[in-house]
Protein backbone atom coordinates (compact mmCIF):
# COMPACT_ATOMS: atom_id res chain seq x y z
CA UNK A 1 22.22 9.50 63.32
CA UNK A 2 20.95 11.98 60.73
CA UNK A 3 19.12 15.03 62.00
CA UNK A 4 15.82 16.31 60.45
CA UNK A 5 17.65 19.34 59.12
CA UNK A 6 19.98 17.11 57.11
CA UNK A 7 17.24 16.03 54.66
CA UNK A 8 17.60 18.96 52.22
CA UNK A 9 21.35 18.40 52.13
CA UNK A 10 20.88 14.65 51.48
CA UNK A 11 18.46 15.34 48.66
CA UNK A 12 20.71 17.97 47.09
CA UNK A 13 23.82 15.79 47.22
CA UNK A 14 22.16 12.66 45.84
CA UNK A 15 20.31 14.61 43.15
CA UNK A 16 23.46 16.41 42.02
CA UNK A 17 25.53 13.25 41.87
CA UNK A 18 22.69 11.38 40.17
CA UNK A 19 22.39 14.08 37.51
CA UNK A 20 26.12 14.04 36.78
CA UNK A 21 26.20 10.24 36.53
CA UNK A 22 23.05 10.21 34.36
CA UNK A 23 24.61 12.71 31.94
CA UNK A 24 27.75 10.58 31.80
CA UNK A 25 25.60 7.50 31.15
CA UNK A 26 23.68 9.23 28.35
CA UNK A 27 26.93 10.31 26.74
CA UNK A 28 28.30 6.75 27.00
CA UNK A 29 25.11 5.27 25.52
CA UNK A 30 25.32 7.75 22.62
CA UNK A 31 28.90 6.65 21.97
CA UNK A 32 27.79 3.00 22.07
CA UNK A 33 24.57 3.55 20.09
CA UNK A 34 25.62 1.14 17.34
CA UNK A 35 26.60 -1.65 19.74
CA UNK A 36 24.50 -4.53 21.02
CA UNK A 37 21.31 -3.96 23.02
CA UNK A 38 22.96 -6.02 25.78
CA UNK A 39 25.67 -3.38 26.14
CA UNK A 40 22.99 -0.69 26.39
CA UNK A 41 21.19 -2.60 29.16
CA UNK A 42 24.44 -3.07 31.06
CA UNK A 43 25.14 0.67 30.87
CA UNK A 44 21.65 1.43 32.24
CA UNK A 45 22.13 -0.88 35.23
CA UNK A 46 25.64 0.41 35.92
CA UNK A 47 24.40 4.00 35.85
CA UNK A 48 21.58 3.20 38.29
CA UNK A 49 23.84 1.33 40.71
CA UNK A 50 26.63 3.92 40.46
CA UNK A 51 24.22 6.77 41.16
CA UNK A 52 22.89 4.99 44.24
CA UNK A 53 26.36 4.05 45.48
CA UNK A 54 27.71 7.59 44.91
CA UNK A 55 24.87 9.06 46.93
CA UNK A 56 25.44 6.63 49.78
CA UNK A 57 29.20 7.24 49.83
CA UNK A 58 28.67 11.02 49.79
CA UNK A 59 26.31 10.81 52.73
CA UNK A 60 28.70 8.54 54.64
CA UNK A 61 31.53 11.01 54.06
CA UNK A 62 29.34 13.72 55.57
CA UNK A 63 29.38 11.62 58.72
CA UNK A 64 25.65 11.02 58.59
CA UNK A 65 26.24 7.26 58.72
CA UNK A 66 29.23 5.94 60.72
CA UNK A 67 30.78 2.72 62.00
CA UNK A 68 29.34 -0.72 61.29
CA UNK A 69 26.20 0.82 59.75
CA UNK A 70 28.34 2.25 56.98
CA UNK A 71 29.73 -1.18 56.13
CA UNK A 72 26.26 -2.72 56.12
CA UNK A 73 24.90 -0.07 53.78
CA UNK A 74 27.81 -0.32 51.39
CA UNK A 75 27.54 -4.11 51.35
CA UNK A 76 23.80 -4.01 50.62
CA UNK A 77 24.28 -1.52 47.79
CA UNK A 78 27.14 -3.56 46.32
CA UNK A 79 25.13 -6.80 46.42
CA UNK A 80 22.14 -5.03 44.91
CA UNK A 81 24.33 -3.72 42.12
CA UNK A 82 25.70 -7.18 41.38
CA UNK A 83 22.18 -8.64 41.35
CA UNK A 84 21.09 -5.88 38.94
CA UNK A 85 24.04 -6.55 36.65
CA UNK A 86 23.26 -10.26 36.67
CA UNK A 87 19.62 -9.71 35.76
CA UNK A 88 20.66 -7.22 33.04
CA UNK A 89 23.12 -9.79 31.66
CA UNK A 90 20.41 -12.49 31.49
CA UNK A 91 17.94 -10.09 29.90
CA UNK A 92 20.55 -8.84 27.43
CA UNK A 93 21.39 -12.41 26.36
CA UNK A 94 17.69 -13.10 25.80
CA UNK A 95 17.18 -9.95 23.74
CA UNK A 96 20.33 -10.53 21.70
CA UNK A 97 19.41 -14.17 21.12
CA UNK A 98 15.89 -13.32 19.97
CA UNK A 99 17.26 -10.56 17.74
CA UNK A 100 19.65 -13.01 16.10
CA UNK A 101 16.77 -15.48 15.63
CA UNK A 102 14.81 -12.75 13.85
CA UNK A 103 17.82 -11.89 11.65
CA UNK A 104 18.26 -15.55 10.68
CA UNK A 105 14.57 -15.77 9.79
CA UNK A 106 14.86 -12.66 7.62
CA UNK A 107 17.80 -14.16 5.74
CA UNK A 108 15.82 -17.29 4.92
CA UNK A 109 13.54 -17.29 1.89
CA UNK A 110 10.61 -17.24 2.02
CA UNK A 111 10.47 -15.26 5.24
CA UNK A 112 8.15 -16.48 7.99
CA UNK A 113 7.85 -14.57 11.26
CA UNK A 114 9.23 -16.68 14.15
CA UNK A 115 6.94 -17.14 17.14
CA UNK A 116 7.68 -16.45 20.78
CA UNK A 117 9.64 -13.21 20.33
CA UNK A 118 9.35 -10.30 22.78
CA UNK A 119 6.37 -8.07 21.98
CA UNK A 120 8.28 -5.35 20.11
CA UNK A 121 10.38 -7.82 18.09
CA UNK A 122 7.26 -9.87 17.35
CA UNK A 123 5.55 -6.74 15.99
CA UNK A 124 8.58 -6.06 13.77
CA UNK A 125 8.61 -9.68 12.59
CA UNK A 126 4.89 -9.68 11.77
CA UNK A 127 5.24 -6.38 9.91
CA UNK A 128 8.18 -7.75 7.93
CA UNK A 129 6.19 -10.86 7.03
CA UNK A 130 3.30 -8.72 5.77
CA UNK A 131 5.75 -6.62 3.74
CA UNK A 132 7.33 -9.75 2.23
CA UNK A 133 3.89 -11.10 1.28
CA UNK A 134 3.00 -7.79 -0.40
CA UNK A 135 6.36 -7.69 -2.17
CA UNK A 136 5.94 -11.24 -3.49
CA UNK A 137 2.42 -10.43 -4.68
CA UNK A 138 3.63 -7.29 -6.44
CA UNK A 139 6.54 -9.15 -8.02
CA UNK A 140 4.18 -11.86 -9.25
CA UNK A 141 1.84 -9.20 -10.63
CA UNK A 142 4.76 -7.52 -12.42
CA UNK A 143 5.84 -10.80 -13.98
CA UNK A 144 2.29 -11.54 -15.11
CA UNK A 145 1.94 -8.03 -16.51
CA UNK A 146 5.16 -8.31 -18.51
CA UNK A 147 4.14 -11.73 -19.85
CA UNK A 148 0.61 -10.67 -20.74
CA UNK A 149 1.51 -7.32 -22.24
CA UNK A 150 4.30 -8.98 -24.24
CA UNK A 151 1.73 -11.40 -25.65
CA UNK A 152 -0.74 -8.61 -26.36
CA UNK A 153 1.96 -6.64 -28.16
CA UNK A 154 3.39 -9.58 -30.07
CA UNK A 155 0.13 -10.59 -31.74
CA UNK A 156 -0.80 -7.25 -33.36
CA UNK A 157 2.83 -6.47 -34.17
CA UNK A 158 3.14 -9.76 -36.03
CA UNK A 159 -0.03 -8.98 -37.97
CA UNK A 160 1.13 -5.46 -38.84
CA UNK A 161 4.53 -6.75 -39.96
CA UNK A 162 2.88 -9.35 -42.21
CA UNK A 163 0.59 -6.72 -43.76
CA UNK A 164 3.45 -4.23 -44.18
CA UNK A 165 5.61 -6.88 -45.89
CA UNK A 166 2.72 -7.84 -48.16
CA UNK A 167 2.29 -4.20 -49.18
CA UNK A 168 6.04 -3.72 -49.62
CA UNK A 169 6.50 -6.89 -51.72
CA UNK A 170 3.47 -6.16 -53.88
CA UNK A 171 1.70 -9.36 -52.80
CA UNK A 172 -1.49 -7.30 -52.56
CA UNK A 173 -2.08 -4.66 -55.15
CA UNK A 174 -5.80 -4.24 -55.65
CA UNK A 175 -6.97 -0.92 -54.15
CA UNK A 176 -9.64 -2.50 -51.93
CA UNK A 177 -7.22 -4.87 -50.17
CA UNK A 178 -4.54 -2.19 -49.88
CA UNK A 179 -7.06 0.17 -48.27
CA UNK A 180 -8.18 -2.59 -45.89
CA UNK A 181 -4.59 -3.33 -44.89
CA UNK A 182 -3.92 0.36 -44.25
CA UNK A 183 -7.07 0.64 -42.18
CA UNK A 184 -6.19 -2.44 -40.15
CA UNK A 185 -2.65 -1.22 -39.50
CA UNK A 186 -4.01 2.15 -38.36
CA UNK A 187 -6.49 0.41 -36.04
CA UNK A 188 -3.76 -1.73 -34.48
CA UNK A 189 -1.48 1.28 -34.04
CA UNK A 190 -4.24 3.15 -32.23
CA UNK A 191 -4.94 0.16 -29.99
CA UNK A 192 -1.25 -0.26 -29.16
CA UNK A 193 -0.96 3.47 -28.47
CA UNK A 194 -3.89 3.23 -26.04
CA UNK A 195 -2.20 0.26 -24.36
CA UNK A 196 1.03 2.22 -23.93
CA UNK A 197 -0.94 5.15 -22.51
CA UNK A 198 -2.56 2.79 -20.00
CA UNK A 199 0.84 1.43 -18.97
CA UNK A 200 2.18 4.95 -18.51
CA UNK A 201 -0.85 5.98 -16.45
CA UNK A 202 -0.58 2.89 -14.28
CA UNK A 203 3.12 3.51 -13.68
CA UNK A 204 2.32 7.06 -12.55
CA UNK A 205 -0.30 5.74 -10.14
CA UNK A 206 2.02 3.12 -8.64
CA UNK A 207 4.83 5.66 -8.35
CA UNK A 208 2.55 8.12 -6.55
CA UNK A 209 3.10 10.66 -9.32
CA UNK A 210 -0.57 11.10 -10.21
CA UNK A 211 -1.37 14.80 -9.88
CA UNK A 212 -5.00 15.77 -9.42
CA UNK A 213 -6.52 19.17 -10.17
CA UNK A 214 -9.48 19.04 -7.84
CA UNK A 215 -12.52 21.21 -8.22
CA UNK A 216 -16.14 21.03 -7.19
CA UNK A 217 -18.04 19.04 -9.81
CA UNK A 218 -21.45 17.43 -10.09
CA UNK A 219 -21.69 13.69 -10.70
CA UNK A 220 -24.68 14.17 -13.01
CA UNK A 221 -22.49 16.13 -15.45
CA UNK A 222 -19.76 13.48 -15.18
CA UNK A 223 -22.27 10.73 -15.94
CA UNK A 224 -23.64 12.65 -18.94
CA UNK A 225 -20.15 13.15 -20.39
CA UNK A 226 -19.26 9.48 -19.86
CA UNK A 227 -22.52 8.38 -21.45
CA UNK A 228 -21.86 10.51 -24.53
CA UNK A 229 -18.32 9.15 -24.89
CA UNK A 230 -19.32 5.49 -24.54
CA UNK A 231 -22.47 5.63 -26.67
CA UNK A 232 -20.74 4.83 -30.02
CA UNK A 233 -19.13 1.70 -28.54
CA UNK A 234 -22.44 0.58 -27.03
CA UNK A 235 -24.27 1.19 -30.29
CA UNK A 236 -21.70 -0.82 -32.25
CA UNK A 237 -21.99 -3.68 -29.75
CA UNK A 238 -25.80 -3.50 -29.66
CA UNK A 239 -25.86 -2.73 -25.94
CA UNK A 240 -28.45 -0.37 -24.46
CA UNK A 241 -26.68 2.29 -22.40
CA UNK A 242 -28.79 4.32 -19.92
CA UNK A 243 -28.15 6.63 -16.98
CA UNK A 244 -29.91 7.58 -13.76
CA UNK A 245 -28.38 10.52 -11.92
CA UNK A 246 -29.56 12.71 -9.05
CA UNK A 247 -29.73 16.41 -9.80
CA UNK A 248 -27.09 17.57 -7.31
CA UNK A 249 -24.35 15.25 -6.04
CA UNK A 250 -21.31 17.50 -5.55
CA UNK A 251 -17.81 16.11 -4.98
CA UNK A 252 -14.30 17.54 -4.88
CA UNK A 253 -12.51 15.76 -7.71
CA UNK A 254 -10.41 15.97 -10.84
CA UNK A 255 -13.08 15.74 -13.53
CA UNK A 256 -10.70 14.35 -16.17
CA UNK A 257 -9.20 11.63 -13.96
CA UNK A 258 -12.51 10.61 -12.39
CA UNK A 259 -14.13 10.62 -15.83
CA UNK A 260 -11.44 8.24 -17.03
CA UNK A 261 -12.07 5.89 -14.10
CA UNK A 262 -15.83 5.88 -14.74
CA UNK A 263 -15.25 5.51 -18.48
CA UNK A 264 -13.04 2.46 -17.89
CA UNK A 265 -15.83 0.85 -15.86
CA UNK A 266 -18.42 1.59 -18.56
CA UNK A 267 -16.23 0.31 -21.41
CA UNK A 268 -15.48 -2.83 -19.40
CA UNK A 269 -19.23 -3.35 -18.79
CA UNK A 270 -20.07 -2.88 -22.47
CA UNK A 271 -17.38 -5.34 -23.59
CA UNK A 272 -18.74 -8.07 -21.31
CA UNK A 273 -22.46 -7.45 -21.87
CA UNK A 274 -24.16 -9.42 -24.67
CA UNK A 275 -26.00 -7.61 -27.46
CA UNK A 276 -29.56 -6.48 -26.73
CA UNK A 277 -28.75 -6.30 -23.00
CA UNK A 278 -28.28 -3.13 -20.95
CA UNK A 279 -25.65 -1.24 -19.00
CA UNK A 280 -26.89 1.29 -16.44
CA UNK A 281 -24.95 4.20 -14.91
CA UNK A 282 -26.23 5.63 -11.64
CA UNK A 283 -25.13 8.58 -9.54
CA UNK A 284 -26.54 9.42 -6.13
CA UNK A 285 -25.94 9.37 -2.39
CA UNK A 286 -25.80 6.05 -0.56
CA UNK A 287 -27.14 5.24 2.91
CA UNK A 288 -23.84 6.16 4.57
CA UNK A 289 -23.88 9.68 3.10
CA UNK A 290 -21.18 9.04 0.50
CA UNK A 291 -21.45 10.11 -3.14
CA UNK A 292 -21.90 6.92 -5.16
CA UNK A 293 -21.30 6.12 -8.84
CA UNK A 294 -22.34 2.68 -10.02
CA UNK A 295 -22.15 0.76 -13.31
CA UNK A 296 -24.44 -2.27 -13.59
CA UNK A 297 -24.08 -4.70 -16.50
CA UNK A 298 -25.46 -8.04 -17.71
CA UNK A 299 -22.17 -9.92 -17.97
CA UNK A 300 -23.51 -13.05 -16.28
CA UNK A 301 -21.66 -12.39 -13.03
CA UNK A 302 -18.11 -12.94 -11.85
CA UNK A 303 -17.04 -16.19 -10.16
CA UNK A 304 -16.77 -15.68 -6.42
CA UNK A 305 -13.12 -16.77 -6.40
CA UNK A 306 -12.31 -14.08 -8.98
CA UNK A 307 -14.03 -11.16 -7.22
CA UNK A 308 -11.01 -10.30 -5.01
CA UNK A 309 -8.75 -10.24 -8.12
CA UNK A 310 -10.87 -8.08 -10.41
CA UNK A 311 -8.80 -4.94 -9.80
CA UNK A 312 -5.43 -6.67 -10.07
CA UNK A 313 -3.13 -5.52 -12.84
CA UNK A 314 -3.72 -7.42 -16.11
CA UNK A 315 -6.50 -9.59 -14.65
CA UNK A 316 -9.18 -10.28 -17.25
CA UNK A 317 -10.76 -13.43 -15.85
CA UNK A 318 -9.79 -15.55 -18.83
CA UNK A 319 -6.99 -17.92 -19.73
CA UNK A 320 -6.64 -16.88 -23.36
CA UNK A 321 -4.69 -13.64 -23.67
CA UNK A 322 -5.32 -13.06 -27.37
CA UNK A 323 -6.62 -9.49 -27.65
CA UNK A 324 -9.85 -8.66 -29.42
CA UNK A 325 -10.42 -5.70 -31.68
CA UNK A 326 -11.56 -3.58 -28.76
CA UNK A 327 -9.54 -5.36 -26.09
CA UNK A 328 -6.78 -4.00 -23.95
CA UNK A 329 -4.08 -5.23 -21.62
CA UNK A 330 -6.47 -5.63 -18.69
CA UNK A 331 -5.30 -2.39 -17.07
CA UNK A 332 -8.54 -0.40 -17.10
CA UNK A 333 -9.89 -1.59 -13.76
CA UNK A 334 -6.50 -1.27 -12.06
CA UNK A 335 -6.24 2.32 -13.33
CA UNK A 336 -9.77 3.05 -12.14
CA UNK A 337 -8.91 1.75 -8.68
CA UNK A 338 -5.76 3.88 -8.50
CA UNK A 339 -7.64 7.03 -9.54
CA UNK A 340 -10.48 6.44 -7.07
CA UNK A 341 -8.09 5.78 -4.19
CA UNK A 342 -6.18 8.96 -5.09
CA UNK A 343 -9.51 10.76 -4.52
CA UNK A 344 -9.77 9.20 -1.02
CA UNK A 345 -12.58 6.99 -2.28
CA UNK A 346 -13.25 3.27 -2.53
CA UNK A 347 -14.18 1.08 -5.48
CA UNK A 348 -15.90 -2.29 -5.16
CA UNK A 349 -17.60 -4.92 -7.30
CA UNK A 350 -20.47 -7.25 -6.39
CA UNK A 351 -22.60 -9.68 -8.36
CA UNK A 352 -26.05 -8.24 -8.98
CA UNK A 353 -28.83 -10.04 -10.81
CA UNK A 354 -27.86 -11.02 -14.36
CA UNK A 355 -24.46 -9.32 -14.09
CA UNK A 356 -22.31 -7.36 -11.68
CA UNK A 357 -22.23 -3.87 -10.23
CA UNK A 358 -19.12 -1.71 -9.89
CA UNK A 359 -19.44 1.04 -7.31
CA UNK A 360 -17.32 4.13 -6.68
CA UNK A 361 -17.83 5.92 -3.35
CA UNK A 362 -16.41 9.38 -2.74
CA UNK A 363 -16.67 11.92 0.09
CA UNK A 364 -19.68 14.16 -0.47
CA UNK A 365 -19.13 17.94 -0.49
CA UNK A 366 -21.55 19.90 1.66
CA UNK A 367 -23.82 22.52 0.13
């Protein structure tokens, strides 16, 4: 029978052997790191059983356990090890089978996350399904953008080619018509150049290459600059453009980029507001303590089913894609969203009275 003084020796022997076997098991698992999870589980069980068995054998050899007791202990440990290996084998088959089921689901198109997987694999499957949904949505948006931009480019290019050929062939020769053709070609070139600039800006936003030069600015100054820039367009359209801005609403932002986002919202509001109606810019602090920029128009509202799509690339809420004289490729709102989100802000749209209200919320800088 073991004596009380043998306990430190038992602990030291079993701990030393256990450490050596654990290190060997870790090394073996590292060598087998690219193999099946079932193999990994088998190694874990073998290491545990081997460590226990080695400790028992070492103690027996120290004559702490003798005779029939030794055989009983060894038999119990051996049976326990076999039971552990059996359970590990069953568990490994389940994990491998569920992993293969997930792989087969991934290879099918479209991908749908299988149900009933172990918690970790189910999380991976659900995450993959969300990623596939986002990827399909982005791919669909890219296809729509290419189709719509191609249409928007084809129409003015065809007109410019016809006018250029007419000038080249001498079909038009009177100075007034020639001047009008030149002016129209210049106008279309400027519009196409703006469209290309929008595409370039949007590509920078999606690529995460938008670089902001942040500084402390006041929203009242930003509103005043935007109002001055959009006034000619509003006057030509017959839209009344007004502003209401608090004296001091400081934010940390890139004035040029944020001004472009606000300008896109204002231009969009003017384009969709009938003559003799109004567009109102507001700057202040909302109830949650965020700096808030809003643009309210009289566009007649946006259908509820279209509200979630307003900031999608190339969405213009219309089936006809023929551009107008002041139209674009439908990128302005998508660019505004990208700029606002780069400033750690949020942009939203809601129907409000005779039109809709676009709101930009940004973190407020303390005084």
